[in-house]
Amino acid sequence: MEFISAMSNWCGGLGFGHGAGYGMSGWMPFHFGGILQLVVIGLIVYFTVRMFRRPDGGPSAPSAQDVLKKRYAAGEIDEETFRRMKDDLK
């Protein structure tokens, strides 16, 4: 409980102490307590969403038929081998 009362004295504004009127709140150019709470809540939401998000599959690997077509197009295999390997894949 001492921590919260100390924070309310130090951080005037919409946050911890709602502007207690003493401490450092008199010269602060903005409501530090409210901004601090928004940052903490934002970090909690960010990491919660990141934790439950499904990982993307990334780039998919080419299928065996795609690899076979590329090899045939590049001239690595002849037509007979291409047809035989294509039938084996089915």
PDB file of N, CA and C in Angstrom:
ATOM      1  N   MET A   1       0.823  -1.198   0.000  1.00  0.00           N
ATOM      2  CA  MET A   1       0.000   0.000   0.000  1.00  0.00           C
ATOM      3  C   MET A   1       0.863   1.256   0.000  1.00  0.00           C
ATOM      4  N   GLU A   2       2.047   1.167   0.576  1.00  0.00           N
ATOM      5  CA  GLU A   2       2.934   2.334   0.585  1.00  0.00           C
ATOM      6  C   GLU A   2       3.385   2.685  -0.821  1.00  0.00           C
ATOM      7  N   PHE A   3       3.568   1.661  -1.669  1.00  0.00           N
ATOM      8  CA  PHE A   3       4.013   1.911  -3.037  1.00  0.00           C
ATOM      9  C   PHE A   3       2.974   2.735  -3.796  1.00  0.00           C
ATOM     10  N   ILE A   4       1.705   2.369  -3.661  1.00  0.00           N
ATOM     11  CA  ILE A   4       0.651   3.084  -4.391  1.00  0.00           C
ATOM     12  C   ILE A   4       0.525   4.514  -3.891  1.00  0.00           C
ATOM     13  N   SER A   5       0.619   4.707  -2.597  1.00  0.00           N
ATOM     14  CA  SER A   5       0.524   6.082  -2.090  1.00  0.00           C
ATOM     15  C   SER A   5       1.748   6.890  -2.499  1.00  0.00           C
ATOM     16  N   ALA A   6       2.926   6.255  -2.562  1.00  0.00           N
ATOM     17  CA  ALA A   6       4.115   6.965  -3.021  1.00  0.00           C
ATOM     18  C   ALA A   6       3.979   7.327  -4.494  1.00  0.00           C
ATOM     19  N   MET A   7       3.439   6.414  -5.306  1.00  0.00           N
ATOM     20  CA  MET A   7       3.253   6.703  -6.719  1.00  0.00           C
ATOM     21  C   MET A   7       2.207   7.797  -6.918  1.00  0.00           C
ATOM     22  N   SER A   8       1.179   7.820  -6.091  1.00  0.00           N
ATOM     23  CA  SER A   8       0.169   8.862  -6.247  1.00  0.00           C
ATOM     24  C   SER A   8       0.739  10.225  -5.869  1.00  0.00           C
ATOM     25  N   ASN A   9       1.688  10.255  -4.950  1.00  0.00           N
ATOM     26  CA  ASN A   9       2.329  11.518  -4.610  1.00  0.00           C
ATOM     27  C   ASN A   9       3.276  11.966  -5.711  1.00  0.00           C
ATOM     28  N   TRP A  10       3.951  11.036  -6.357  1.00  0.00           N
ATOM     29  CA  TRP A  10       4.961  11.366  -7.355  1.00  0.00           C
ATOM     30  C   TRP A  10       4.358  11.595  -8.739  1.00  0.00           C
ATOM     31  N   CYS A  11       3.347  10.806  -9.094  1.00  0.00           N
ATOM     32  CA  CYS A  11       2.767  10.869 -10.434  1.00  0.00           C
ATOM     33  C   CYS A  11       1.399  11.506 -10.377  1.00  0.00           C
ATOM     34  N   GLY A  12       1.353  12.770 -10.501  1.00  0.00           N
ATOM     35  CA  GLY A  12       0.064  13.417 -10.547  1.00  0.00           C
ATOM     36  C   GLY A  12      -0.575  13.232 -11.905  1.00  0.00           C
ATOM     37  N   GLY A  13      -1.827  13.288 -11.966  1.00  0.00           N
ATOM     38  CA  GLY A  13      -2.496  13.163 -13.250  1.00  0.00           C
ATOM     39  C   GLY A  13      -3.618  12.148 -13.174  1.00  0.00           C
ATOM     40  N   LEU A  14      -4.013  11.671 -14.321  1.00  0.00           N
ATOM     41  CA  LEU A  14      -5.159  10.784 -14.406  1.00  0.00           C
ATOM     42  C   LEU A  14      -4.839   9.370 -13.945  1.00  0.00           C
ATOM     43  N   GLY A  15      -3.607   9.092 -13.622  1.00  0.00           N
ATOM     44  CA  GLY A  15      -3.194   7.740 -13.298  1.00  0.00           C
ATOM     45  C   GLY A  15      -3.357   7.404 -11.842  1.00  0.00           C
ATOM     46  N   PHE A  16      -2.260   7.142 -11.198  1.00  0.00           N
ATOM     47  CA  PHE A  16      -2.242   6.521  -9.878  1.00  0.00           C
ATOM     48  C   PHE A  16      -2.979   7.325  -8.805  1.00  0.00           C
ATOM     49  N   GLY A  17      -2.756   8.625  -8.736  1.00  0.00           N
ATOM     50  CA  GLY A  17      -3.328   9.365  -7.622  1.00  0.00           C
ATOM     51  C   GLY A  17      -4.369  10.385  -8.002  1.00  0.00           C
ATOM     52  N   HIS A  18      -4.706  10.493  -9.243  1.00  0.00           N
ATOM     53  CA  HIS A  18      -5.688  11.463  -9.731  1.00  0.00           C
ATOM     54  C   HIS A  18      -5.328  12.880  -9.322  1.00  0.00           C
ATOM     55  N   GLY A  19      -4.033  13.194  -9.352  1.00  0.00           N
ATOM     56  CA  GLY A  19      -3.594  14.558  -9.059  1.00  0.00           C
ATOM     57  C   GLY A  19      -3.715  14.897  -7.601  1.00  0.00           C
ATOM     58  N   ALA A  20      -2.822  14.352  -6.790  1.00  0.00           N
ATOM     59  CA  ALA A  20      -2.900  14.556  -5.347  1.00  0.00           C
ATOM     60  C   ALA A  20      -2.668  16.009  -4.963  1.00  0.00           C
ATOM     61  N   GLY A  21      -1.977  16.767  -5.816  1.00  0.00           N
ATOM     62  CA  GLY A  21      -1.813  18.180  -5.521  1.00  0.00           C
ATOM     63  C   GLY A  21      -0.519  18.512  -4.812  1.00  0.00           C
ATOM     64  N   TYR A  22       0.296  17.527  -4.547  1.00  0.00           N
ATOM     65  CA  TYR A  22       1.588  17.785  -3.924  1.00  0.00           C
ATOM     66  C   TYR A  22       2.595  16.791  -4.487  1.00  0.00           C
ATOM     67  N   GLY A  23       3.816  16.938  -4.108  1.00  0.00           N
ATOM     68  CA  GLY A  23       4.855  16.088  -4.667  1.00  0.00           C
ATOM     69  C   GLY A  23       5.345  16.693  -5.975  1.00  0.00           C
ATOM     70  N   MET A  24       5.668  15.861  -6.941  1.00  0.00           N
ATOM     71  CA  MET A  24       6.216  16.332  -8.215  1.00  0.00           C
ATOM     72  C   MET A  24       5.126  16.699  -9.205  1.00  0.00           C
ATOM     73  N   SER A  25       3.891  16.524  -8.862  1.00  0.00           N
ATOM     74  CA  SER A  25       2.824  16.740  -9.832  1.00  0.00           C
ATOM     75  C   SER A  25       2.666  18.205 -10.209  1.00  0.00           C
ATOM     76  N   GLY A  26       3.187  19.116  -9.416  1.00  0.00           N
ATOM     77  CA  GLY A  26       3.003  20.529  -9.708  1.00  0.00           C
ATOM     78  C   GLY A  26       3.786  21.007 -10.913  1.00  0.00           C
ATOM     79  N   TRP A  27       4.932  20.418 -11.198  1.00  0.00           N
ATOM     80  CA  TRP A  27       5.752  20.916 -12.295  1.00  0.00           C
ATOM     81  C   TRP A  27       5.795  19.976 -13.500  1.00  0.00           C
ATOM     82  N   MET A  28       5.123  18.842 -13.425  1.00  0.00           N
ATOM     83  CA  MET A  28       5.162  17.892 -14.537  1.00  0.00           C
ATOM     84  C   MET A  28       4.380  18.485 -15.714  1.00  0.00           C
ATOM     85  N   PRO A  29       4.958  18.488 -16.925  1.00  0.00           N
ATOM     86  CA  PRO A  29       4.268  19.107 -18.058  1.00  0.00           C
ATOM     87  C   PRO A  29       3.132  18.257 -18.629  1.00  0.00           C
ATOM     88  N   PHE A  30       2.973  17.042 -18.183  1.00  0.00           N
ATOM     89  CA  PHE A  30       1.898  16.180 -18.664  1.00  0.00           C
ATOM     90  C   PHE A  30       1.522  15.214 -17.552  1.00  0.00           C
ATOM     91  N   HIS A  31       0.499  14.469 -17.756  1.00  0.00           N
ATOM     92  CA  HIS A  31       0.005  13.535 -16.751  1.00  0.00           C
ATOM     93  C   HIS A  31       0.785  12.229 -16.843  1.00  0.00           C
ATOM     94  N   PHE A  32       1.889  12.163 -16.135  1.00  0.00           N
ATOM     95  CA  PHE A  32       2.797  11.031 -16.224  1.00  0.00           C
ATOM     96  C   PHE A  32       2.155   9.735 -15.738  1.00  0.00           C
ATOM     97  N   GLY A  33       1.359   9.811 -14.688  1.00  0.00           N
ATOM     98  CA  GLY A  33       0.722   8.607 -14.158  1.00  0.00           C
ATOM     99  C   GLY A  33      -0.212   7.955 -15.162  1.00  0.00           C
ATOM    100  N   GLY A  34      -1.005   8.744 -15.850  1.00  0.00           N
ATOM    101  CA  GLY A  34      -1.922   8.210 -16.851  1.00  0.00           C
ATOM    102  C   GLY A  34      -1.189   7.630 -18.045  1.00  0.00           C
ATOM    103  N   ILE A  35      -0.134   8.300 -18.475  1.00  0.00           N
ATOM    104  CA  ILE A  35       0.645   7.797 -19.603  1.00  0.00           C
ATOM    105  C   ILE A  35       1.343   6.504 -19.226  1.00  0.00           C
ATOM    106  N   LEU A  36       1.880   6.443 -18.025  1.00  0.00           N
ATOM    107  CA  LEU A  36       2.554   5.225 -17.563  1.00  0.00           C
ATOM    108  C   LEU A  36       1.579   4.043 -17.534  1.00  0.00           C
ATOM    109  N   GLN A  37       0.384   4.267 -17.063  1.00  0.00           N
ATOM    110  CA  GLN A  37      -0.608   3.194 -17.038  1.00  0.00           C
ATOM    111  C   GLN A  37      -1.006   2.775 -18.447  1.00  0.00           C
ATOM    112  N   LEU A  38      -1.133   3.710 -19.377  1.00  0.00           N
ATOM    113  CA  LEU A  38      -1.459   3.358 -20.759  1.00  0.00           C
ATOM    114  C   LEU A  38      -0.342   2.538 -21.398  1.00  0.00           C
ATOM    115  N   VAL A  39       0.899   2.876 -21.104  1.00  0.00           N
ATOM    116  CA  VAL A  39       2.029   2.114 -21.644  1.00  0.00           C
ATOM    117  C   VAL A  39       2.017   0.692 -21.103  1.00  0.00           C
ATOM    118  N   VAL A  40       1.785   0.539 -19.805  1.00  0.00           N
ATOM    119  CA  VAL A  40       1.760  -0.801 -19.203  1.00  0.00           C
ATOM    120  C   VAL A  40       0.616  -1.622 -19.788  1.00  0.00           C
ATOM    121  N   ILE A  41      -0.554  -1.046 -19.899  1.00  0.00           N
ATOM    122  CA  ILE A  41      -1.699  -1.765 -20.463  1.00  0.00           C
ATOM    123  C   ILE A  41      -1.435  -2.108 -21.935  1.00  0.00           C
ATOM    124  N   GLY A  42      -0.848  -1.192 -22.676  1.00  0.00           N
ATOM    125  CA  GLY A  42      -0.513  -1.453 -24.070  1.00  0.00           C
ATOM    126  C   GLY A  42       0.474  -2.599 -24.223  1.00  0.00           C
ATOM    127  N   LEU A  43       1.481  -2.650 -23.358  1.00  0.00           N
ATOM    128  CA  LEU A  43       2.442  -3.753 -23.407  1.00  0.00           C
ATOM    129  C   LEU A  43       1.786  -5.087 -23.071  1.00  0.00           C
ATOM    130  N   ILE A  44       0.897  -5.079 -22.108  1.00  0.00           N
ATOM    131  CA  ILE A  44       0.191  -6.317 -21.744  1.00  0.00           C
ATOM    132  C   ILE A  44      -0.646  -6.803 -22.926  1.00  0.00           C
ATOM    133  N   VAL A  45      -1.377  -5.904 -23.575  1.00  0.00           N
ATOM    134  CA  VAL A  45      -2.200  -6.287 -24.721  1.00  0.00           C
ATOM    135  C   VAL A  45      -1.320  -6.784 -25.868  1.00  0.00           C
ATOM    136  N   TYR A  46      -0.224  -6.089 -26.152  1.00  0.00           N
ATOM    137  CA  TYR A  46       0.668  -6.475 -27.244  1.00  0.00           C
ATOM    138  C   TYR A  46       1.220  -7.883 -27.047  1.00  0.00           C
ATOM    139  N   PHE A  47       1.746  -8.163 -25.857  1.00  0.00           N
ATOM    140  CA  PHE A  47       2.335  -9.477 -25.628  1.00  0.00           C
ATOM    141  C   PHE A  47       1.282 -10.580 -25.523  1.00  0.00           C
ATOM    142  N   THR A  48       0.078 -10.250 -25.057  1.00  0.00           N
ATOM    143  CA  THR A  48      -0.993 -11.240 -25.025  1.00  0.00           C
ATOM    144  C   THR A  48      -1.414 -11.623 -26.444  1.00  0.00           C
ATOM    145  N   VAL A  49      -1.592 -10.646 -27.311  1.00  0.00           N
ATOM    146  CA  VAL A  49      -1.961 -10.923 -28.695  1.00  0.00           C
ATOM    147  C   VAL A  49      -0.851 -11.699 -29.387  1.00  0.00           C
ATOM    148  N   ARG A  50       0.378 -11.309 -29.142  1.00  0.00           N
ATOM    149  CA  ARG A  50       1.510 -11.991 -29.768  1.00  0.00           C
ATOM    150  C   ARG A  50       1.625 -13.436 -29.292  1.00  0.00           C
ATOM    151  N   MET A  51       1.272 -13.687 -28.051  1.00  0.00           N
ATOM    152  CA  MET A  51       1.382 -15.041 -27.499  1.00  0.00           C
ATOM    153  C   MET A  51       0.323 -15.965 -28.103  1.00  0.00           C
ATOM    154  N   PHE A  52      -0.872 -15.478 -28.366  1.00  0.00           N
ATOM    155  CA  PHE A  52      -1.950 -16.318 -28.849  1.00  0.00           C
ATOM    156  C   PHE A  52      -2.090 -16.333 -30.365  1.00  0.00           C
ATOM    157  N   ARG A  53      -1.286 -15.555 -31.069  1.00  0.00           N
ATOM    158  CA  ARG A  53      -1.364 -15.521 -32.525  1.00  0.00           C
ATOM    159  C   ARG A  53      -0.725 -16.790 -33.098  1.00  0.00           C
ATOM    160  N   ARG A  54      -1.380 -17.361 -34.101  1.00  0.00           N
ATOM    161  CA  ARG A  54      -0.839 -18.556 -34.746  1.00  0.00           C
ATOM    162  C   ARG A  54       0.346 -18.167 -35.621  1.00  0.00           C
ATOM    163  N   PRO A  55       1.404 -18.955 -35.588  1.00  0.00           N
ATOM    164  CA  PRO A  55       2.531 -18.628 -36.460  1.00  0.00           C
ATOM    165  C   PRO A  55       2.168 -18.895 -37.920  1.00  0.00           C
ATOM    166  N   ASP A  56       2.635 -18.029 -38.776  1.00  0.00           N
ATOM    167  CA  ASP A  56       2.348 -18.247 -40.188  1.00  0.00           C
ATOM    168  C   ASP A  56       3.240 -19.356 -40.728  1.00  0.00           C
ATOM    169  N   GLY A  57       2.791 -19.977 -41.771  1.00  0.00           N
ATOM    170  CA  GLY A  57       3.500 -21.115 -42.334  1.00  0.00           C
ATOM    171  C   GLY A  57       4.786 -20.727 -43.040  1.00  0.00           C
ATOM    172  N   GLY A  58       4.959 -19.463 -43.330  1.00  0.00           N
ATOM    173  CA  GLY A  58       6.129 -19.032 -44.061  1.00  0.00           C
ATOM    174  C   GLY A  58       6.018 -19.444 -45.525  1.00  0.00           C
ATOM    175  N   PRO A  59       7.109 -19.328 -46.241  1.00  0.00           N
ATOM    176  CA  PRO A  59       7.051 -19.728 -47.652  1.00  0.00           C
ATOM    177  C   PRO A  59       6.884 -21.236 -47.765  1.00  0.00           C
ATOM    178  N   SER A  60       5.946 -21.636 -48.596  1.00  0.00           N
ATOM    179  CA  SER A  60       5.663 -23.057 -48.730  1.00  0.00           C
ATOM    180  C   SER A  60       6.694 -23.699 -49.654  1.00  0.00           C
ATOM    181  N   ALA A  61       6.991 -24.946 -49.383  1.00  0.00           N
ATOM    182  CA  ALA A  61       7.949 -25.695 -50.199  1.00  0.00           C
ATOM    183  C   ALA A  61       7.281 -26.091 -51.511  1.00  0.00           C
ATOM    184  N   PRO A  62       8.029 -26.090 -52.595  1.00  0.00           N
ATOM    185  CA  PRO A  62       7.429 -26.490 -53.873  1.00  0.00           C
ATOM    186  C   PRO A  62       7.071 -27.975 -53.847  1.00  0.00           C
ATOM    187  N   SER A  63       6.005 -28.313 -54.557  1.00  0.00           N
ATOM    188  CA  SER A  63       5.574 -29.706 -54.602  1.00  0.00           C
ATOM    189  C   SER A  63       6.545 -30.522 -55.451  1.00  0.00           C
ATOM    190  N   ALA A  64       6.434 -31.842 -55.342  1.00  0.00           N
ATOM    191  CA  ALA A  64       7.318 -32.726 -56.101  1.00  0.00           C
ATOM    192  C   ALA A  64       7.089 -32.578 -57.600  1.00  0.00           C
ATOM    193  N   GLN A  65       5.847 -32.360 -58.000  1.00  0.00           N
ATOM    194  CA  GLN A  65       5.564 -32.181 -59.431  1.00  0.00           C
ATOM    195  C   GLN A  65       6.164 -30.878 -59.955  1.00  0.00           C
ATOM    196  N   ASP A  66       6.159 -29.829 -59.123  1.00  0.00           N
ATOM    197  CA  ASP A  66       6.775 -28.569 -59.543  1.00  0.00           C
ATOM    198  C   ASP A  66       8.274 -28.735 -59.750  1.00  0.00           C
ATOM    199  N   VAL A  67       8.920 -29.462 -58.837  1.00  0.00           N
ATOM    200  CA  VAL A  67      10.350 -29.703 -58.973  1.00  0.00           C
ATOM    201  C   VAL A  67      10.633 -30.525 -60.230  1.00  0.00           C
ATOM    202  N   LEU A  68       9.797 -31.526 -60.474  1.00  0.00           N
ATOM    203  CA  LEU A  68       9.962 -32.361 -61.660  1.00  0.00           C
ATOM    204  C   LEU A  68       9.809 -31.536 -62.939  1.00  0.00           C
ATOM    205  N   LYS A  69       8.813 -30.642 -62.976  1.00  0.00           N
ATOM    206  CA  LYS A  69       8.610 -29.787 -64.147  1.00  0.00           C
ATOM    207  C   LYS A  69       9.797 -28.857 -64.371  1.00  0.00           C
ATOM    208  N   LYS A  70      10.351 -28.322 -63.301  1.00  0.00           N
ATOM    209  CA  LYS A  70      11.509 -27.433 -63.423  1.00  0.00           C
ATOM    210  C   LYS A  70      12.719 -28.199 -63.947  1.00  0.00           C
ATOM    211  N   ARG A  71      12.916 -29.415 -63.463  1.00  0.00           N
ATOM    212  CA  ARG A  71      14.051 -30.219 -63.940  1.00  0.00           C
ATOM    213  C   ARG A  71      13.900 -30.543 -65.425  1.00  0.00           C
ATOM    214  N   TYR A  72      12.677 -30.853 -65.848  1.00  0.00           N
ATOM    215  CA  TYR A  72      12.427 -31.157 -67.269  1.00  0.00           C
ATOM    216  C   TYR A  72      12.628 -29.901 -68.120  1.00  0.00           C
ATOM    217  N   ALA A  73      12.146 -28.768 -67.631  1.00  0.00           N
ATOM    218  CA  ALA A  73      12.288 -27.515 -68.374  1.00  0.00           C
ATOM    219  C   ALA A  73      13.753 -27.093 -68.475  1.00  0.00           C
ATOM    220  N   ALA A  74      14.544 -27.387 -67.450  1.00  0.00           N
ATOM    221  CA  ALA A  74      15.958 -27.016 -67.466  1.00  0.00           C
ATOM    222  C   ALA A  74      16.797 -27.985 -68.294  1.00  0.00           C
ATOM    223  N   GLY A  75      16.202 -29.095 -68.717  1.00  0.00           N
ATOM    224  CA  GLY A  75      16.922 -30.063 -69.535  1.00  0.00           C
ATOM    225  C   GLY A  75      17.718 -31.073 -68.731  1.00  0.00           C
ATOM    226  N   GLU A  76      17.465 -31.171 -67.440  1.00  0.00           N
ATOM    227  CA  GLU A  76      18.188 -32.134 -66.605  1.00  0.00           C
ATOM    228  C   GLU A  76      17.732 -33.566 -66.877  1.00  0.00           C
ATOM    229  N   ILE A  77      16.473 -33.730 -67.253  1.00  0.00           N
ATOM    230  CA  ILE A  77      15.939 -35.067 -67.539  1.00  0.00           C
ATOM    231  C   ILE A  77      15.260 -35.045 -68.902  1.00  0.00           C
ATOM    232  N   ASP A  78      15.202 -36.216 -69.539  1.00  0.00           N
ATOM    233  CA  ASP A  78      14.556 -36.290 -70.849  1.00  0.00           C
ATOM    234  C   ASP A  78      13.057 -36.563 -70.683  1.00  0.00           C
ATOM    235  N   GLU A  79      12.338 -36.591 -71.813  1.00  0.00           N
ATOM    236  CA  GLU A  79      10.878 -36.734 -71.783  1.00  0.00           C
ATOM    237  C   GLU A  79      10.445 -38.078 -71.213  1.00  0.00           C
ATOM    238  N   GLU A  80      11.157 -39.139 -71.568  1.00  0.00           N
ATOM    239  CA  GLU A  80      10.803 -40.474 -71.064  1.00  0.00           C
ATOM    240  C   GLU A  80      10.937 -40.551 -69.550  1.00  0.00           C
ATOM    241  N   THR A  81      12.013 -40.006 -69.028  1.00  0.00           N
ATOM    242  CA  THR A  81      12.223 -39.994 -67.574  1.00  0.00           C
ATOM    243  C   THR A  81      11.163 -39.124 -66.892  1.00  0.00           C
ATOM    244  N   PHE A  82      10.866 -37.995 -67.523  1.00  0.00           N
ATOM    245  CA  PHE A  82       9.841 -37.103 -66.974  1.00  0.00           C
ATOM    246  C   PHE A  82       8.496 -37.814 -66.859  1.00  0.00           C
ATOM    247  N   ARG A  83       8.076 -38.501 -67.909  1.00  0.00           N
ATOM    248  CA  ARG A  83       6.777 -39.189 -67.891  1.00  0.00           C
ATOM    249  C   ARG A  83       6.775 -40.328 -66.867  1.00  0.00           C
ATOM    250  N   ARG A  84       7.886 -41.057 -66.789  1.00  0.00           N
ATOM    251  CA  ARG A  84       7.960 -42.166 -65.827  1.00  0.00           C
ATOM    252  C   ARG A  84       7.881 -41.644 -64.393  1.00  0.00           C
ATOM    253  N   MET A  85       8.641 -40.597 -64.118  1.00  0.00           N
ATOM    254  CA  MET A  85       8.635 -40.029 -62.759  1.00  0.00           C
ATOM    255  C   MET A  85       7.280 -39.395 -62.437  1.00  0.00           C
ATOM    256  N   LYS A  86       6.651 -38.792 -63.423  1.00  0.00           N
ATOM    257  CA  LYS A  86       5.329 -38.189 -63.223  1.00  0.00           C
ATOM    258  C   LYS A  86       4.307 -39.280 -62.876  1.00  0.00           C
ATOM    259  N   ASP A  87       4.370 -40.420 -63.585  1.00  0.00           N
ATOM    260  CA  ASP A  87       3.464 -41.539 -63.282  1.00  0.00           C
ATOM    261  C   ASP A  87       3.737 -42.110 -61.900  1.00  0.00           C
ATOM    262  N   ASP A  88       5.022 -42.154 -61.503  1.00  0.00           N
ATOM    263  CA  ASP A  88       5.366 -42.659 -60.169  1.00  0.00           C
ATOM    264  C   ASP A  88       4.808 -41.770 -59.058  1.00  0.00           C
ATOM    265  N   LEU A  89       4.751 -40.491 -59.316  1.00  0.00           N
ATOM    266  CA  LEU A  89       4.216 -39.556 -58.303  1.00  0.00           C
ATOM    267  C   LEU A  89       2.723 -39.708 -58.124  1.00  0.00           C
ATOM    268  N   LYS A  90       2.027 -40.140 -59.147  1.00  0.00           N
ATOM    269  CA  LYS A  90       0.574 -40.314 -59.031  1.00  0.00           C
ATOM    270  C   LYS A  90       0.318 -41.580 -58.323  1.00  0.00           C
TER     271      LYS A  90
END
